PDB file of N, CA and C in Angstrom:
ATOM      1  N   MET A   1      -0.260   7.465  32.212  1.00  0.00           N
ATOM      2  CA  MET A   1      -0.664   7.099  30.868  1.00  0.00           C
ATOM      3  C   MET A   1       0.431   7.501  29.882  1.00  0.00           C
ATOM      4  N   LYS A   2       0.525   6.765  28.791  1.00  0.00           N
ATOM      5  CA  LYS A   2       1.512   7.051  27.755  1.00  0.00           C
ATOM      6  C   LYS A   2       0.952   8.103  26.795  1.00  0.00           C
ATOM      7  N   ILE A   3       1.804   8.594  25.916  1.00  0.00           N
ATOM      8  CA  ILE A   3       1.433   9.695  25.036  1.00  0.00           C
ATOM      9  C   ILE A   3       0.256   9.347  24.122  1.00  0.00           C
ATOM     10  N   GLY A   4       0.170   8.114  23.678  1.00  0.00           N
ATOM     11  CA  GLY A   4      -0.951   7.698  22.844  1.00  0.00           C
ATOM     12  C   GLY A   4      -2.265   7.749  23.596  1.00  0.00           C
ATOM     13  N   GLU A   5      -2.219   7.386  24.865  1.00  0.00           N
ATOM     14  CA  GLU A   5      -3.424   7.449  25.696  1.00  0.00           C
ATOM     15  C   GLU A   5      -3.825   8.903  25.948  1.00  0.00           C
ATOM     16  N   LEU A   6      -2.833   9.766  26.142  1.00  0.00           N
ATOM     17  CA  LEU A   6      -3.114  11.189  26.313  1.00  0.00           C
ATOM     18  C   LEU A   6      -3.735  11.753  25.040  1.00  0.00           C
ATOM     19  N   ALA A   7      -3.204  11.356  23.897  1.00  0.00           N
ATOM     20  CA  ALA A   7      -3.750  11.806  22.622  1.00  0.00           C
ATOM     21  C   ALA A   7      -5.206  11.364  22.474  1.00  0.00           C
ATOM     22  N   SER A   8      -5.495  10.122  22.819  1.00  0.00           N
ATOM     23  CA  SER A   8      -6.867   9.609  22.733  1.00  0.00           C
ATOM     24  C   SER A   8      -7.796  10.322  23.711  1.00  0.00           C
ATOM     25  N   ALA A   9      -7.298  10.593  24.904  1.00  0.00           N
ATOM     26  CA  ALA A   9      -8.128  11.226  25.937  1.00  0.00           C
ATOM     27  C   ALA A   9      -8.471  12.674  25.605  1.00  0.00           C
ATOM     28  N   THR A  10      -7.611  13.326  24.833  1.00  0.00           N
ATOM     29  CA  THR A  10      -7.810  14.760  24.570  1.00  0.00           C
ATOM     30  C   THR A  10      -8.158  15.090  23.130  1.00  0.00           C
ATOM     31  N   GLY A  11      -7.964  14.148  22.219  1.00  0.00           N
ATOM     32  CA  GLY A  11      -8.211  14.434  20.814  1.00  0.00           C
ATOM     33  C   GLY A  11      -7.111  15.256  20.170  1.00  0.00           C
ATOM     34  N   VAL A  12      -5.944  15.290  20.789  1.00  0.00           N
ATOM     35  CA  VAL A  12      -4.796  16.036  20.268  1.00  0.00           C
ATOM     36  C   VAL A  12      -3.794  15.033  19.720  1.00  0.00           C
ATOM     37  N   GLN A  13      -3.285  15.287  18.539  1.00  0.00           N
ATOM     38  CA  GLN A  13      -2.346  14.360  17.914  1.00  0.00           C
ATOM     39  C   GLN A  13      -1.004  14.352  18.647  1.00  0.00           C
ATOM     40  N   ILE A  14      -0.325  13.210  18.587  1.00  0.00           N
ATOM     41  CA  ILE A  14       0.949  13.023  19.284  1.00  0.00           C
ATOM     42  C   ILE A  14       1.990  14.076  18.898  1.00  0.00           C
ATOM     43  N   PRO A  15       2.185  14.376  17.607  1.00  0.00           N
ATOM     44  CA  PRO A  15       3.180  15.414  17.278  1.00  0.00           C
ATOM     45  C   PRO A  15       2.830  16.778  17.883  1.00  0.00           C
ATOM     46  N   THR A  16       1.533  17.069  17.980  1.00  0.00           N
ATOM     47  CA  THR A  16       1.102  18.334  18.574  1.00  0.00           C
ATOM     48  C   THR A  16       1.396  18.350  20.067  1.00  0.00           C
ATOM     49  N   ILE A  17       1.197  17.230  20.740  1.00  0.00           N
ATOM     50  CA  ILE A  17       1.517  17.132  22.163  1.00  0.00           C
ATOM     51  C   ILE A  17       3.006  17.388  22.369  1.00  0.00           C
ATOM     52  N   ARG A  18       3.824  16.759  21.558  1.00  0.00           N
ATOM     53  CA  ARG A  18       5.280  16.959  21.676  1.00  0.00           C
ATOM     54  C   ARG A  18       5.650  18.423  21.409  1.00  0.00           C
ATOM     55  N   PHE A  19       5.006  19.024  20.413  1.00  0.00           N
ATOM     56  CA  PHE A  19       5.254  20.434  20.110  1.00  0.00           C
ATOM     57  C   PHE A  19       4.886  21.312  21.304  1.00  0.00           C
ATOM     58  N   TYR A  20       3.715  21.069  21.898  1.00  0.00           N
ATOM     59  CA  TYR A  20       3.296  21.854  23.060  1.00  0.00           C
ATOM     60  C   TYR A  20       4.270  21.678  24.226  1.00  0.00           C
ATOM     61  N   GLU A  21       4.811  20.485  24.369  1.00  0.00           N
ATOM     62  CA  GLU A  21       5.832  20.262  25.407  1.00  0.00           C
ATOM     63  C   GLU A  21       7.075  21.103  25.115  1.00  0.00           C
ATOM     64  N   GLN A  22       7.530  21.079  23.871  1.00  0.00           N
ATOM     65  CA  GLN A  22       8.717  21.846  23.482  1.00  0.00           C
ATOM     66  C   GLN A  22       8.496  23.344  23.666  1.00  0.00           C
ATOM     67  N   GLU A  23       7.268  23.787  23.450  1.00  0.00           N
ATOM     68  CA  GLU A  23       6.936  25.202  23.587  1.00  0.00           C
ATOM     69  C   GLU A  23       6.677  25.607  25.043  1.00  0.00           C
ATOM     70  N   GLY A  24       6.694  24.634  25.937  1.00  0.00           N
ATOM     71  CA  GLY A  24       6.484  24.927  27.354  1.00  0.00           C
ATOM     72  C   GLY A  24       5.029  25.087  27.762  1.00  0.00           C
ATOM     73  N   LEU A  25       4.105  24.700  26.893  1.00  0.00           N
ATOM     74  CA  LEU A  25       2.687  24.789  27.235  1.00  0.00           C
ATOM     75  C   LEU A  25       2.251  23.632  28.127  1.00  0.00           C
ATOM     76  N   LEU A  26       2.956  22.534  28.030  1.00  0.00           N
ATOM     77  CA  LEU A  26       2.736  21.378  28.904  1.00  0.00           C
ATOM     78  C   LEU A  26       3.988  21.163  29.731  1.00  0.00           C
ATOM     79  N   PRO A  27       3.827  20.879  31.009  1.00  0.00           N
ATOM     80  CA  PRO A  27       5.014  20.588  31.816  1.00  0.00           C
ATOM     81  C   PRO A  27       5.622  19.257  31.384  1.00  0.00           C
ATOM     82  N   PRO A  28       6.911  19.104  31.584  1.00  0.00           N
ATOM     83  CA  PRO A  28       7.538  17.826  31.212  1.00  0.00           C
ATOM     84  C   PRO A  28       6.874  16.659  31.935  1.00  0.00           C
ATOM     85  N   ALA A  29       6.709  15.581  31.211  1.00  0.00           N
ATOM     86  CA  ALA A  29       6.120  14.380  31.810  1.00  0.00           C
ATOM     87  C   ALA A  29       7.207  13.601  32.528  1.00  0.00           C
ATOM     88  N   ALA A  30       6.784  12.882  33.556  1.00  0.00           N
ATOM     89  CA  ALA A  30       7.715  11.961  34.214  1.00  0.00           C
ATOM     90  C   ALA A  30       8.094  10.890  33.204  1.00  0.00           C
ATOM     91  N   ARG A  31       9.190  10.227  33.443  1.00  0.00           N
ATOM     92  CA  ARG A  31       9.649   9.166  32.535  1.00  0.00           C
ATOM     93  C   ARG A  31       9.636   7.832  33.265  1.00  0.00           C
ATOM     94  N   THR A  32       9.302   6.794  32.514  1.00  0.00           N
ATOM     95  CA  THR A  32       9.341   5.446  33.068  1.00  0.00           C
ATOM     96  C   THR A  32      10.770   4.927  32.986  1.00  0.00           C
ATOM     97  N   GLY A  33      11.001   3.745  33.527  1.00  0.00           N
ATOM     98  CA  GLY A  33      12.314   3.120  33.446  1.00  0.00           C
ATOM     99  C   GLY A  33      12.752   2.896  32.013  1.00  0.00           C
ATOM    100  N   GLY A  34      11.780   2.686  31.116  1.00  0.00           N
ATOM    101  CA  GLY A  34      12.076   2.499  29.694  1.00  0.00           C
ATOM    102  C   GLY A  34      12.130   3.820  28.937  1.00  0.00           C
ATOM    103  N   ASN A  35      12.106   4.939  29.653  1.00  0.00           N
ATOM    104  CA  ASN A  35      12.200   6.296  29.109  1.00  0.00           C
ATOM    105  C   ASN A  35      10.953   6.729  28.341  1.00  0.00           C
ATOM    106  N   TYR A  36       9.813   6.091  28.610  1.00  0.00           N
ATOM    107  CA  TYR A  36       8.545   6.540  28.031  1.00  0.00           C
ATOM    108  C   TYR A  36       8.008   7.690  28.867  1.00  0.00           C
ATOM    109  N   ARG A  37       7.355   8.633  28.206  1.00  0.00           N
ATOM    110  CA  ARG A  37       6.690   9.708  28.948  1.00  0.00           C
ATOM    111  C   ARG A  37       5.515   9.106  29.703  1.00  0.00           C
ATOM    112  N   CYS A  38       5.296   9.608  30.899  1.00  0.00           N
ATOM    113  CA  CYS A  38       4.194   9.120  31.731  1.00  0.00           C
ATOM    114  C   CYS A  38       3.364  10.330  32.177  1.00  0.00           C
ATOM    115  N   TYR A  39       2.175  10.454  31.620  1.00  0.00           N
ATOM    116  CA  TYR A  39       1.298  11.605  31.875  1.00  0.00           C
ATOM    117  C   TYR A  39       0.273  11.269  32.946  1.00  0.00           C
ATOM    118  N   ASP A  40      -0.271  12.330  33.559  1.00  0.00           N
ATOM    119  CA  ASP A  40      -1.318  12.131  34.560  1.00  0.00           C
ATOM    120  C   ASP A  40      -2.509  13.038  34.236  1.00  0.00           C
ATOM    121  N   GLU A  41      -3.472  13.058  35.123  1.00  0.00           N
ATOM    122  CA  GLU A  41      -4.703  13.828  34.896  1.00  0.00           C
ATOM    123  C   GLU A  41      -4.428  15.324  34.737  1.00  0.00           C
ATOM    124  N   SER A  42      -3.407  15.840  35.386  1.00  0.00           N
ATOM    125  CA  SER A  42      -3.101  17.271  35.241  1.00  0.00           C
ATOM    126  C   SER A  42      -2.698  17.593  33.798  1.00  0.00           C
ATOM    127  N   HIS A  43      -2.033  16.668  33.135  1.00  0.00           N
ATOM    128  CA  HIS A  43      -1.677  16.867  31.727  1.00  0.00           C
ATOM    129  C   HIS A  43      -2.924  16.850  30.849  1.00  0.00           C
ATOM    130  N   VAL A  44      -3.860  15.954  31.172  1.00  0.00           N
ATOM    131  CA  VAL A  44      -5.111  15.878  30.419  1.00  0.00           C
ATOM    132  C   VAL A  44      -5.851  17.203  30.519  1.00  0.00           C
ATOM    133  N   GLN A  45      -5.970  17.721  31.744  1.00  0.00           N
ATOM    134  CA  GLN A  45      -6.701  18.975  31.955  1.00  0.00           C
ATOM    135  C   GLN A  45      -6.010  20.155  31.273  1.00  0.00           C
ATOM    136  N   ARG A  46      -4.703  20.231  31.400  1.00  0.00           N
ATOM    137  CA  ARG A  46      -3.967  21.341  30.798  1.00  0.00           C
ATOM    138  C   ARG A  46      -4.026  21.277  29.266  1.00  0.00           C
ATOM    139  N   LEU A  47      -3.882  20.094  28.710  1.00  0.00           N
ATOM    140  CA  LEU A  47      -3.949  19.935  27.266  1.00  0.00           C
ATOM    141  C   LEU A  47      -5.350  20.261  26.748  1.00  0.00           C
ATOM    142  N   ALA A  48      -6.367  19.879  27.490  1.00  0.00           N
ATOM    143  CA  ALA A  48      -7.745  20.215  27.109  1.00  0.00           C
ATOM    144  C   ALA A  48      -7.931  21.737  27.108  1.00  0.00           C
ATOM    145  N   PHE A  49      -7.346  22.422  28.081  1.00  0.00           N
ATOM    146  CA  PHE A  49      -7.413  23.882  28.147  1.00  0.00           C
ATOM    147  C   PHE A  49      -6.724  24.495  26.928  1.00  0.00           C
ATOM    148  N   VAL A  50      -5.519  24.022  26.618  1.00  0.00           N
ATOM    149  CA  VAL A  50      -4.776  24.533  25.456  1.00  0.00           C
ATOM    150  C   VAL A  50      -5.566  24.278  24.180  1.00  0.00           C
ATOM    151  N   ARG A  51      -6.097  23.092  24.046  1.00  0.00           N
ATOM    152  CA  ARG A  51      -6.870  22.733  22.853  1.00  0.00           C
ATOM    153  C   ARG A  51      -8.079  23.652  22.712  1.00  0.00           C
ATOM    154  N   HIS A  52      -8.747  23.928  23.816  1.00  0.00           N
ATOM    155  CA  HIS A  52      -9.913  24.816  23.780  1.00  0.00           C
ATOM    156  C   HIS A  52      -9.496  26.225  23.341  1.00  0.00           C
ATOM    157  N   CYS A  53      -8.409  26.720  23.898  1.00  0.00           N
ATOM    158  CA  CYS A  53      -7.914  28.045  23.505  1.00  0.00           C
ATOM    159  C   CYS A  53      -7.586  28.083  22.015  1.00  0.00           C
ATOM    160  N   ARG A  54      -6.927  27.058  21.533  1.00  0.00           N
ATOM    161  CA  ARG A  54      -6.558  27.005  20.114  1.00  0.00           C
ATOM    162  C   ARG A  54      -7.796  26.893  19.228  1.00  0.00           C
ATOM    163  N   SER A  55      -8.851  26.222  19.721  1.00  0.00           N
ATOM    164  CA  SER A  55     -10.092  26.123  18.943  1.00  0.00           C
ATOM    165  C   SER A  55     -10.760  27.487  18.802  1.00  0.00           C
ATOM    166  N   LEU A  56     -10.396  28.413  19.684  1.00  0.00           N
ATOM    167  CA  LEU A  56     -10.899  29.783  19.613  1.00  0.00           C
ATOM    168  C   LEU A  56      -9.939  30.688  18.849  1.00  0.00           C
ATOM    169  N   ASP A  57      -9.000  30.078  18.151  1.00  0.00           N
ATOM    170  CA  ASP A  57      -7.993  30.782  17.334  1.00  0.00           C
ATOM    171  C   ASP A  57      -7.049  31.644  18.160  1.00  0.00           C
ATOM    172  N   MET A  58      -6.814  31.280  19.400  1.00  0.00           N
ATOM    173  CA  MET A  58      -5.844  32.018  20.208  1.00  0.00           C
ATOM    174  C   MET A  58      -4.445  31.584  19.802  1.00  0.00           C
ATOM    175  N   ASN A  59      -3.536  32.548  19.689  1.00  0.00           N
ATOM    176  CA  ASN A  59      -2.161  32.194  19.349  1.00  0.00           C
ATOM    177  C   ASN A  59      -1.439  31.664  20.588  1.00  0.00           C
ATOM    178  N   LEU A  60      -0.303  31.060  20.379  1.00  0.00           N
ATOM    179  CA  LEU A  60       0.414  30.407  21.483  1.00  0.00           C
ATOM    180  C   LEU A  60       0.856  31.400  22.553  1.00  0.00           C
ATOM    181  N   ASP A  61       1.219  32.614  22.154  1.00  0.00           N
ATOM    182  CA  ASP A  61       1.621  33.612  23.152  1.00  0.00           C
ATOM    183  C   ASP A  61       0.463  33.960  24.079  1.00  0.00           C
ATOM    184  N   ASP A  62      -0.737  34.096  23.513  1.00  0.00           N
ATOM    185  CA  ASP A  62      -1.910  34.378  24.336  1.00  0.00           C
ATOM    186  C   ASP A  62      -2.236  33.198  25.255  1.00  0.00           C
ATOM    187  N   VAL A  63      -2.083  31.993  24.739  1.00  0.00           N
ATOM    188  CA  VAL A  63      -2.320  30.801  25.562  1.00  0.00           C
ATOM    189  C   VAL A  63      -1.321  30.777  26.717  1.00  0.00           C
ATOM    190  N   ARG A  64      -0.079  31.144  26.446  1.00  0.00           N
ATOM    191  CA  ARG A  64       0.942  31.190  27.511  1.00  0.00           C
ATOM    192  C   ARG A  64       0.548  32.163  28.619  1.00  0.00           C
ATOM    193  N   VAL A  65       0.029  33.321  28.222  1.00  0.00           N
ATOM    194  CA  VAL A  65      -0.398  34.320  29.209  1.00  0.00           C
ATOM    195  C   VAL A  65      -1.496  33.739  30.087  1.00  0.00           C
ATOM    196  N   LEU A  66      -2.463  33.083  29.475  1.00  0.00           N
ATOM    197  CA  LEU A  66      -3.557  32.492  30.252  1.00  0.00           C
ATOM    198  C   LEU A  66      -3.063  31.384  31.165  1.00  0.00           C
ATOM    199  N   LEU A  67      -2.155  30.563  30.662  1.00  0.00           N
ATOM    200  CA  LEU A  67      -1.603  29.485  31.491  1.00  0.00           C
ATOM    201  C   LEU A  67      -0.791  30.040  32.652  1.00  0.00           C
ATOM    202  N   LYS A  68      -0.049  31.098  32.386  1.00  0.00           N
ATOM    203  CA  LYS A  68       0.735  31.730  33.449  1.00  0.00           C
ATOM    204  C   LYS A  68      -0.198  32.235  34.545  1.00  0.00           C
ATOM    205  N   PHE A  69      -1.283  32.870  34.136  1.00  0.00           N
ATOM    206  CA  PHE A  69      -2.244  33.346  35.125  1.00  0.00           C
ATOM    207  C   PHE A  69      -2.885  32.170  35.854  1.00  0.00           C
ATOM    208  N   LYS A  70      -3.242  31.144  35.116  1.00  0.00           N
ATOM    209  CA  LYS A  70      -3.867  29.959  35.716  1.00  0.00           C
ATOM    210  C   LYS A  70      -2.937  29.303  36.743  1.00  0.00           C
ATOM    211  N   ASP A  71      -1.651  29.272  36.428  1.00  0.00           N
ATOM    212  CA  ASP A  71      -0.676  28.649  37.318  1.00  0.00           C
ATOM    213  C   ASP A  71      -0.363  29.499  38.551  1.00  0.00           C
ATOM    214  N   HIS A  72      -0.483  30.809  38.413  1.00  0.00           N
ATOM    215  CA  HIS A  72      -0.115  31.734  39.499  1.00  0.00           C
ATOM    216  C   HIS A  72      -1.235  32.739  39.701  1.00  0.00           C
ATOM    217  N   GLN A  73      -2.351  32.290  40.211  1.00  0.00           N
ATOM    218  CA  GLN A  73      -3.535  33.130  40.340  1.00  0.00           C
ATOM    219  C   GLN A  73      -3.398  34.120  41.493  1.00  0.00           C
ATOM    220  N   ARG A  74      -2.463  35.018  41.328  1.00  0.00           N
ATOM    221  CA  ARG A  74      -2.271  36.067  42.327  1.00  0.00           C
ATOM    222  C   ARG A  74      -2.359  37.408  41.622  1.00  0.00           C
ATOM    223  N   GLY A  75      -2.839  38.377  42.334  1.00  0.00           N
ATOM    224  CA  GLY A  75      -2.848  39.719  41.784  1.00  0.00           C
ATOM    225  C   GLY A  75      -4.030  39.974  40.872  1.00  0.00           C
ATOM    226  N   PRO A  76      -4.034  41.161  40.278  1.00  0.00           N
ATOM    227  CA  PRO A  76      -5.163  41.566  39.434  1.00  0.00           C
ATOM    228  C   PRO A  76      -5.212  40.801  38.112  1.00  0.00           C
ATOM    229  N   CYS A  77      -6.384  40.786  37.544  1.00  0.00           N
ATOM    230  CA  CYS A  77      -6.625  40.064  36.287  1.00  0.00           C
ATOM    231  C   CYS A  77      -6.558  40.989  35.078  1.00  0.00           C
ATOM    232  N   ASP A  78      -6.010  42.170  35.242  1.00  0.00           N
ATOM    233  CA  ASP A  78      -6.033  43.166  34.164  1.00  0.00           C
ATOM    234  C   ASP A  78      -5.444  42.644  32.865  1.00  0.00           C
ATOM    235  N   GLU A  79      -4.296  41.979  32.940  1.00  0.00           N
ATOM    236  CA  GLU A  79      -3.636  41.491  31.726  1.00  0.00           C
ATOM    237  C   GLU A  79      -4.503  40.450  31.019  1.00  0.00           C
ATOM    238  N   VAL A  80      -5.109  39.575  31.790  1.00  0.00           N
ATOM    239  CA  VAL A  80      -5.963  38.540  31.203  1.00  0.00           C
ATOM    240  C   VAL A  80      -7.213  39.172  30.605  1.00  0.00           C
ATOM    241  N   ASN A  81      -7.824  40.102  31.324  1.00  0.00           N
ATOM    242  CA  ASN A  81      -9.018  40.771  30.806  1.00  0.00           C
ATOM    243  C   ASN A  81      -8.718  41.516  29.509  1.00  0.00           C
ATOM    244  N   GLU A  82      -7.586  42.190  29.467  1.00  0.00           N
ATOM    245  CA  GLU A  82      -7.196  42.920  28.265  1.00  0.00           C
ATOM    246  C   GLU A  82      -6.966  41.958  27.097  1.00  0.00           C
ATOM    247  N   LEU A  83      -6.295  40.864  27.365  1.00  0.00           N
ATOM    248  CA  LEU A  83      -6.024  39.875  26.328  1.00  0.00           C
ATOM    249  C   LEU A  83      -7.333  39.309  25.780  1.00  0.00           C
ATOM    250  N   LEU A  84      -8.247  38.948  26.668  1.00  0.00           N
ATOM    251  CA  LEU A  84      -9.516  38.366  26.222  1.00  0.00           C
ATOM    252  C   LEU A  84     -10.373  39.388  25.487  1.00  0.00           C
ATOM    253  N   ASP A  85     -10.385  40.641  25.959  1.00  0.00           N
ATOM    254  CA  ASP A  85     -11.129  41.691  25.259  1.00  0.00           C
ATOM    255  C   ASP A  85     -10.588  41.876  23.844  1.00  0.00           C
ATOM    256  N   LYS A  86      -9.262  41.892  23.713  1.00  0.00           N
ATOM    257  CA  LYS A  86      -8.627  42.041  22.403  1.00  0.00           C
ATOM    258  C   LYS A  86      -8.991  40.870  21.500  1.00  0.00           C
ATOM    259  N   HIS A  87      -8.952  39.673  22.059  1.00  0.00           N
ATOM    260  CA  HIS A  87      -9.259  38.481  21.270  1.00  0.00           C
ATOM    261  C   HIS A  87     -10.720  38.485  20.817  1.00  0.00           C
ATOM    262  N   ILE A  88     -11.617  38.842  21.704  1.00  0.00           N
ATOM    263  CA  ILE A  88     -13.043  38.888  21.352  1.00  0.00           C
ATOM    264  C   ILE A  88     -13.274  39.909  20.243  1.00  0.00           C
ATOM    265  N   LEU A  89     -12.630  41.060  20.342  1.00  0.00           N
ATOM    266  CA  LEU A  89     -12.771  42.089  19.312  1.00  0.00           C
ATOM    267  C   LEU A  89     -12.226  41.594  17.969  1.00  0.00           C
ATOM    268  N   GLN A  90     -11.081  40.932  17.995  1.00  0.00           N
ATOM    269  CA  GLN A  90     -10.511  40.398  16.750  1.00  0.00           C
ATOM    270  C   GLN A  90     -11.441  39.365  16.125  1.00  0.00           C
ATOM    271  N   ARG A  91     -11.997  38.495  16.938  1.00  0.00           N
ATOM    272  CA  ARG A  91     -12.914  37.469  16.429  1.00  0.00           C
ATOM    273  C   ARG A  91     -14.168  38.108  15.840  1.00  0.00           C
ATOM    274  N   ALA A  92     -14.691  39.118  16.523  1.00  0.00           N
ATOM    275  CA  ALA A  92     -15.884  39.798  16.020  1.00  0.00           C
ATOM    276  C   ALA A  92     -15.581  40.472  14.686  1.00  0.00           C
ATOM    277  N   ASN A  93     -14.439  41.148  14.586  1.00  0.00           N
ATOM    278  CA  ASN A  93     -14.063  41.796  13.326  1.00  0.00           C
ATOM    279  C   ASN A  93     -13.892  40.774  12.211  1.00  0.00           C
ATOM    280  N   HIS A  94     -13.296  39.641  12.543  1.00  0.00           N
ATOM    281  CA  HIS A  94     -13.097  38.575  11.557  1.00  0.00           C
ATOM    282  C   HIS A  94     -14.448  38.070  11.036  1.00  0.00           C
ATOM    283  N   ARG A  95     -15.393  37.905  11.923  1.00  0.00           N
ATOM    284  CA  ARG A  95     -16.717  37.424  11.514  1.00  0.00           C
ATOM    285  C   ARG A  95     -17.441  38.449  10.658  1.00  0.00           C
ATOM    286  N   VAL A  96     -17.316  39.723  11.030  1.00  0.00           N
ATOM    287  CA  VAL A  96     -17.963  40.776  10.243  1.00  0.00           C
ATOM    288  C   VAL A  96     -17.361  40.810   8.839  1.00  0.00           C
ATOM    289  N   ARG A  97     -16.026  40.719   8.750  1.00  0.00           N
ATOM    290  CA  ARG A  97     -15.379  40.702   7.435  1.00  0.00           C
ATOM    291  C   ARG A  97     -15.840  39.487   6.631  1.00  0.00           C
ATOM    292  N   GLY A  98     -15.920  38.334   7.294  1.00  0.00           N
ATOM    293  CA  GLY A  98     -16.388  37.131   6.608  1.00  0.00           C
ATOM    294  C   GLY A  98     -17.813  37.276   6.118  1.00  0.00           C
ATOM    295  N   PHE A  99     -18.647  37.884   6.935  1.00  0.00           N
ATOM    296  CA  PHE A  99     -20.034  38.115   6.541  1.00  0.00           C
ATOM    297  C   PHE A  99     -20.096  39.061   5.346  1.00  0.00           C
ATOM    298  N   ALA A 100     -19.300  40.112   5.379  1.00  0.00           N
ATOM    299  CA  ALA A 100     -19.285  41.075   4.273  1.00  0.00           C
ATOM    300  C   ALA A 100     -18.801  40.404   2.990  1.00  0.00           C
ATOM    301  N   ILE A 101     -17.764  39.606   3.101  1.00  0.00           N
ATOM    302  CA  ILE A 101     -17.235  38.920   1.915  1.00  0.00           C
ATOM    303  C   ILE A 101     -18.270  37.940   1.379  1.00  0.00           C
ATOM    304  N   ASN A 102     -18.882  37.163   2.263  1.00  0.00           N
ATOM    305  CA  ASN A 102     -19.895  36.196   1.825  1.00  0.00           C
ATOM    306  C   ASN A 102     -21.106  36.901   1.238  1.00  0.00           C
ATOM    307  N   GLY A 103     -21.498  38.005   1.834  1.00  0.00           N
ATOM    308  CA  GLY A 103     -22.622  38.786   1.310  1.00  0.00           C
ATOM    309  C   GLY A 103     -22.322  39.314  -0.073  1.00  0.00           C
ATOM    310  N   ASN A 104     -21.097  39.828  -0.267  1.00  0.00           N
ATOM    311  CA  ASN A 104     -20.711  40.334  -1.587  1.00  0.00           C
ATOM    312  C   ASN A 104     -20.634  39.204  -2.595  1.00  0.00           C
ATOM    313  N   ALA A 105     -20.107  38.060  -2.192  1.00  0.00           N
ATOM    314  CA  ALA A 105     -20.018  36.921  -3.095  1.00  0.00           C
ATOM    315  C   ALA A 105     -21.417  36.479  -3.521  1.00  0.00           C
ATOM    316  N   GLN A 106     -22.362  36.534  -2.589  1.00  0.00           N
ATOM    317  CA  GLN A 106     -23.725  36.138  -2.911  1.00  0.00           C
ATOM    318  C   GLN A 106     -24.326  37.133  -3.902  1.00  0.00           C
ATOM    319  N   PHE A 107     -24.071  38.419  -3.679  1.00  0.00           N
ATOM    320  CA  PHE A 107     -24.586  39.434  -4.591  1.00  0.00           C
ATOM    321  C   PHE A 107     -24.021  39.233  -5.992  1.00  0.00           C
ATOM    322  N   VAL A 108     -22.710  39.032  -6.081  1.00  0.00           N
ATOM    323  CA  VAL A 108     -22.064  38.824  -7.368  1.00  0.00           C
ATOM    324  C   VAL A 108     -22.604  37.548  -8.012  1.00  0.00           C
ATOM    325  N   GLY A 109     -22.813  36.515  -7.209  1.00  0.00           N
ATOM    326  CA  GLY A 109     -23.313  35.248  -7.735  1.00  0.00           C
ATOM    327  C   GLY A 109     -24.716  35.368  -8.282  1.00  0.00           C
ATOM    328  N   ASN A 110     -25.536  36.275  -7.725  1.00  0.00           N
ATOM    329  CA  ASN A 110     -26.903  36.468  -8.206  1.00  0.00           C
ATOM    330  C   ASN A 110     -26.952  37.322  -9.457  1.00  0.00           C
ATOM    331  N   GLY A 111     -25.870  38.039  -9.704  1.00  0.00           N
ATOM    332  CA  GLY A 111     -25.821  38.888 -10.904  1.00  0.00           C
ATOM    333  C   GLY A 111     -26.448  40.242 -10.649  1.00  0.00           C
ATOM    334  N   ALA A 112     -25.945  41.232 -11.349  1.00  0.00           N
ATOM    335  CA  ALA A 112     -26.429  42.604 -11.173  1.00  0.00           C
ATOM    336  C   ALA A 112     -27.869  42.741 -11.625  1.00  0.00           C
ATOM    337  N   GLU A 113     -28.328  41.888 -12.549  1.00  0.00           N
ATOM    338  CA  GLU A 113     -29.713  42.008 -13.034  1.00  0.00           C
ATOM    339  C   GLU A 113     -30.717  41.719 -11.937  1.00  0.00           C
ATOM    340  N   ASN A 114     -30.296  41.019 -10.874  1.00  0.00           N
ATOM    341  CA  ASN A 114     -31.199  40.721  -9.762  1.00  0.00           C
ATOM    342  C   ASN A 114     -31.159  41.768  -8.672  1.00  0.00           C
ATOM    343  N   PHE A 115     -30.319  42.770  -8.854  1.00  0.00           N
ATOM    344  CA  PHE A 115     -30.177  43.808  -7.828  1.00  0.00           C
ATOM    345  C   PHE A 115     -31.487  44.554  -7.692  1.00  0.00           C
ATOM    346  N   GLY A 116     -31.952  44.658  -6.454  1.00  0.00           N
ATOM    347  CA  GLY A 116     -33.160  45.421  -6.168  1.00  0.00           C
ATOM    348  C   GLY A 116     -34.432  44.646  -6.372  1.00  0.00           C
ATOM    349  N   SER A 117     -34.361  43.408  -6.791  1.00  0.00           N
ATOM    350  CA  SER A 117     -35.595  42.655  -6.965  1.00  0.00           C
ATOM    351  C   SER A 117     -35.963  41.858  -5.768  1.00  0.00           C
TER     352      SER A 117
END
């Protein structure tokens, strides 16, 4: 499949696909005689994985670690477990901060005269 078809299949924009290729998150695609990139199902699956990680606000370095483990599933999972634990903690802290900010904004929006009522 060509890059436009890969973009449609995964919901990832073409410039983002090219960026992920440049960053080494996607393996190079085979080329046709006309020098078009030619992707296969493995690219679809890998791009879907990257997209899912990014939807969870994972940075590219963390995605690389997960892909490295996925590609070479040998040895202990300590590094992956540590990375995911750190990410979960960061996300939880972010949500708590957001809740606190939204709660304070709501209090301010209601005015001090409504405090305690």
